[in-house]
C-alpha cells in the first residue's frame, strides 16, 4: 500500500532533499501500522509529538494504516 507522508520541522532530516511539508509517497506492506511507518522512515517514535492522519489527530500510536492515507508528522516544538 502507499501512504502520503508530510514531515515537518526537524523531522525532514529523515529524508534528505525533502522540504518541510512536501509530500512523500511511502510504500508499506498491507496491515502496516504507524510504528512500521516510523521504522521505515528511520524516525524514533519519541521524536514525533503529533501525528495527523487524514486530517485528524492520532491518539492510538499503534493505529493501522490504509492505502491512500495522508499523514503529517510533527516534532515537539519549542521556542520563545
N, C-alpha and C. Protein backbone atom coordinates (compact mmCIF):
# COMPACT_ATOMS: atom_id res chain seq x y z
N UNK A 1 0.84 -1.18 0.00
CA UNK A 1 0.00 0.00 0.00
C UNK A 1 0.88 1.24 0.00
N UNK A 2 0.29 2.33 -0.39
CA UNK A 2 1.03 3.60 -0.47
C UNK A 2 0.39 4.63 0.47
N UNK A 3 1.25 5.27 1.28
CA UNK A 3 0.85 6.30 2.22
C UNK A 3 1.54 7.60 1.81
N UNK A 4 0.82 8.71 1.87
CA UNK A 4 1.44 10.01 1.61
C UNK A 4 1.80 10.63 2.95
N UNK A 5 3.07 10.94 3.13
CA UNK A 5 3.58 11.46 4.40
C UNK A 5 4.15 12.85 4.17
N UNK A 6 3.87 13.72 5.12
CA UNK A 6 4.48 15.06 5.15
C UNK A 6 5.21 15.20 6.47
N UNK A 7 6.49 15.52 6.39
CA UNK A 7 7.32 15.71 7.57
C UNK A 7 7.50 17.20 7.83
N UNK A 8 7.51 17.58 9.08
CA UNK A 8 7.62 18.99 9.43
C UNK A 8 8.79 19.22 10.38
N UNK A 9 9.32 20.44 10.30
CA UNK A 9 10.41 20.91 11.17
C UNK A 9 11.60 19.94 11.11
N UNK A 10 12.12 19.54 12.27
CA UNK A 10 13.34 18.74 12.32
C UNK A 10 13.17 17.33 11.75
N UNK A 11 11.94 16.86 11.59
CA UNK A 11 11.73 15.50 11.08
C UNK A 11 12.13 15.36 9.61
N UNK A 12 12.26 16.47 8.88
CA UNK A 12 12.67 16.37 7.47
C UNK A 12 14.07 15.80 7.33
N UNK A 13 14.84 15.81 8.40
CA UNK A 13 16.20 15.25 8.34
C UNK A 13 16.17 13.76 8.02
N UNK A 14 15.03 13.11 8.23
CA UNK A 14 14.91 11.68 7.93
C UNK A 14 14.96 11.42 6.42
N UNK A 15 14.60 12.41 5.61
CA UNK A 15 14.60 12.27 4.14
C UNK A 15 15.36 13.44 3.54
N UNK A 16 16.67 13.33 3.39
CA UNK A 16 17.46 14.43 2.82
C UNK A 16 16.90 14.84 1.45
N UNK A 17 16.88 16.14 1.24
CA UNK A 17 16.40 16.67 -0.03
C UNK A 17 14.91 16.99 -0.04
N UNK A 18 14.21 16.62 1.02
CA UNK A 18 12.78 16.92 1.12
C UNK A 18 12.60 18.15 1.99
N UNK A 19 11.71 19.05 1.54
CA UNK A 19 11.42 20.24 2.32
C UNK A 19 10.24 19.98 3.25
N UNK A 20 10.17 20.72 4.34
CA UNK A 20 9.08 20.57 5.30
C UNK A 20 7.73 20.71 4.59
N UNK A 21 6.85 19.76 4.85
CA UNK A 21 5.51 19.79 4.28
C UNK A 21 5.39 19.23 2.88
N UNK A 22 6.51 18.90 2.27
CA UNK A 22 6.48 18.32 0.92
C UNK A 22 6.02 16.86 1.01
N UNK A 23 5.05 16.45 0.19
CA UNK A 23 4.56 15.08 0.30
C UNK A 23 5.57 14.05 -0.18
N UNK A 24 5.63 12.94 0.55
CA UNK A 24 6.48 11.80 0.22
C UNK A 24 5.56 10.59 0.12
N UNK A 25 5.66 9.85 -0.94
CA UNK A 25 4.91 8.60 -1.05
C UNK A 25 5.76 7.47 -0.50
N UNK A 26 5.22 6.73 0.46
CA UNK A 26 5.94 5.65 1.12
C UNK A 26 5.17 4.35 0.89
N UNK A 27 5.86 3.35 0.40
CA UNK A 27 5.27 2.01 0.21
C UNK A 27 5.43 1.21 1.48
N UNK A 28 4.34 0.59 1.90
CA UNK A 28 4.34 -0.25 3.10
C UNK A 28 3.58 -1.53 2.81
N UNK A 29 3.87 -2.59 3.55
CA UNK A 29 3.07 -3.80 3.39
C UNK A 29 1.64 -3.58 3.90
N UNK A 30 0.70 -4.34 3.35
CA UNK A 30 -0.66 -4.30 3.86
C UNK A 30 -0.63 -4.62 5.34
N UNK A 31 -1.58 -4.08 6.08
CA UNK A 31 -1.69 -4.29 7.53
C UNK A 31 -0.64 -3.52 8.33
N UNK A 32 0.11 -2.62 7.69
CA UNK A 32 1.12 -1.84 8.41
C UNK A 32 0.45 -0.89 9.40
N UNK A 33 1.19 -0.57 10.42
CA UNK A 33 0.73 0.35 11.47
C UNK A 33 1.69 1.54 11.54
N UNK A 34 1.31 2.55 12.30
CA UNK A 34 2.14 3.74 12.42
C UNK A 34 3.57 3.42 12.85
N UNK A 35 3.81 2.55 13.84
CA UNK A 35 5.20 2.23 14.19
C UNK A 35 6.00 1.63 13.02
N UNK A 36 5.34 0.87 12.15
CA UNK A 36 6.02 0.31 10.97
C UNK A 36 6.48 1.43 10.05
N UNK A 37 5.62 2.43 9.87
CA UNK A 37 5.98 3.57 9.03
C UNK A 37 7.16 4.33 9.62
N UNK A 38 7.13 4.57 10.92
CA UNK A 38 8.23 5.29 11.56
C UNK A 38 9.54 4.53 11.41
N UNK A 39 9.50 3.21 11.54
CA UNK A 39 10.72 2.42 11.32
C UNK A 39 11.21 2.58 9.89
N UNK A 40 10.29 2.53 8.94
CA UNK A 40 10.63 2.67 7.52
C UNK A 40 11.29 4.03 7.26
N UNK A 41 10.80 5.06 7.94
CA UNK A 41 11.35 6.41 7.77
C UNK A 41 12.58 6.66 8.63
N UNK A 42 12.89 5.70 9.51
CA UNK A 42 14.02 5.83 10.45
C UNK A 42 13.83 7.02 11.39
N UNK A 43 12.60 7.14 11.89
CA UNK A 43 12.25 8.19 12.85
C UNK A 43 11.92 7.52 14.18
N UNK A 44 12.57 7.96 15.23
CA UNK A 44 12.29 7.45 16.57
C UNK A 44 10.88 7.88 16.98
N UNK A 45 10.08 6.97 17.50
CA UNK A 45 8.72 7.32 17.90
C UNK A 45 8.66 8.51 18.86
N UNK A 46 9.64 8.61 19.77
CA UNK A 46 9.62 9.73 20.72
C UNK A 46 9.90 11.08 20.05
N UNK A 47 10.40 11.07 18.80
CA UNK A 47 10.66 12.30 18.08
C UNK A 47 9.38 12.90 17.49
N UNK A 48 8.30 12.12 17.49
CA UNK A 48 7.03 12.59 16.93
C UNK A 48 6.11 12.99 18.08
N UNK A 49 5.77 14.27 18.10
CA UNK A 49 4.87 14.78 19.14
C UNK A 49 3.41 14.70 18.68
N UNK A 50 3.18 14.94 17.39
CA UNK A 50 1.82 14.97 16.86
C UNK A 50 1.80 14.29 15.50
N UNK A 51 0.83 13.41 15.33
CA UNK A 51 0.59 12.77 14.03
C UNK A 51 -0.85 13.09 13.63
N UNK A 52 -1.01 13.57 12.40
CA UNK A 52 -2.33 13.89 11.86
C UNK A 52 -2.60 12.93 10.71
N UNK A 53 -3.61 12.08 10.88
CA UNK A 53 -3.95 11.08 9.88
C UNK A 53 -5.27 11.46 9.23
N UNK A 54 -5.22 11.74 7.94
CA UNK A 54 -6.41 12.11 7.18
C UNK A 54 -7.17 13.27 7.85
N UNK A 55 -6.39 14.24 8.34
CA UNK A 55 -6.98 15.45 8.92
C UNK A 55 -7.38 15.37 10.38
N UNK A 56 -7.07 14.25 11.04
CA UNK A 56 -7.45 14.09 12.45
C UNK A 56 -6.25 13.66 13.28
N UNK A 57 -6.14 14.18 14.50
CA UNK A 57 -5.03 13.77 15.36
C UNK A 57 -5.09 12.27 15.67
N UNK A 58 -3.93 11.66 15.73
CA UNK A 58 -3.82 10.24 16.06
C UNK A 58 -3.64 10.12 17.57
N UNK A 59 -4.56 9.40 18.21
CA UNK A 59 -4.46 9.18 19.65
C UNK A 59 -3.89 7.79 19.95
N UNK A 60 -4.10 6.85 19.04
CA UNK A 60 -3.59 5.49 19.19
C UNK A 60 -2.34 5.34 18.33
N UNK A 61 -1.19 5.38 18.95
CA UNK A 61 0.07 5.34 18.20
C UNK A 61 0.31 4.00 17.51
N UNK A 62 -0.52 2.99 17.79
CA UNK A 62 -0.39 1.70 17.12
C UNK A 62 -1.45 1.54 16.03
N UNK A 63 -2.02 2.66 15.58
CA UNK A 63 -3.13 2.59 14.63
C UNK A 63 -2.69 1.95 13.31
N UNK A 64 -3.63 1.24 12.71
CA UNK A 64 -3.40 0.61 11.42
C UNK A 64 -3.55 1.67 10.32
N UNK A 65 -2.70 1.57 9.31
CA UNK A 65 -2.75 2.48 8.18
C UNK A 65 -3.44 1.79 7.00
N UNK A 66 -3.97 2.59 6.10
CA UNK A 66 -4.67 2.07 4.92
C UNK A 66 -4.11 2.72 3.66
N UNK A 67 -4.24 2.02 2.56
CA UNK A 67 -3.79 2.54 1.28
C UNK A 67 -4.44 3.90 1.02
N UNK A 68 -3.63 4.87 0.63
CA UNK A 68 -4.14 6.20 0.31
C UNK A 68 -4.21 7.15 1.49
N UNK A 69 -3.86 6.68 2.69
CA UNK A 69 -3.86 7.57 3.85
C UNK A 69 -2.90 8.73 3.64
N UNK A 70 -3.22 9.85 4.28
CA UNK A 70 -2.34 11.02 4.30
C UNK A 70 -1.97 11.29 5.75
N UNK A 71 -0.68 11.40 6.01
CA UNK A 71 -0.18 11.51 7.37
C UNK A 71 0.79 12.66 7.48
N UNK A 72 0.60 13.52 8.46
CA UNK A 72 1.55 14.59 8.79
C UNK A 72 2.21 14.27 10.11
N UNK A 73 3.51 14.42 10.18
CA UNK A 73 4.26 14.13 11.41
C UNK A 73 4.97 15.40 11.88
N UNK A 74 4.77 15.73 13.15
CA UNK A 74 5.33 16.95 13.74
C UNK A 74 6.15 16.60 14.97
N UNK A 75 7.34 17.22 15.12
CA UNK A 75 8.13 17.01 16.34
C UNK A 75 7.62 17.95 17.44
N UNK A 76 8.11 17.76 18.68
CA UNK A 76 7.82 18.76 19.70
C UNK A 76 8.39 20.11 19.25
N UNK A 77 7.69 21.16 19.54
CA UNK A 77 8.13 22.49 19.10
C UNK A 77 8.43 23.31 20.33
N UNK A 78 9.55 24.00 20.28
CA UNK A 78 9.93 24.88 21.38
C UNK A 78 10.28 26.25 20.85
N UNK A 79 10.45 27.15 21.71
CA UNK A 79 10.82 28.49 21.29
C UNK A 79 10.29 29.50 22.27
N UNK A 80 10.51 30.72 21.94
CA UNK A 80 10.02 31.71 22.88
C UNK A 80 10.27 33.09 22.46
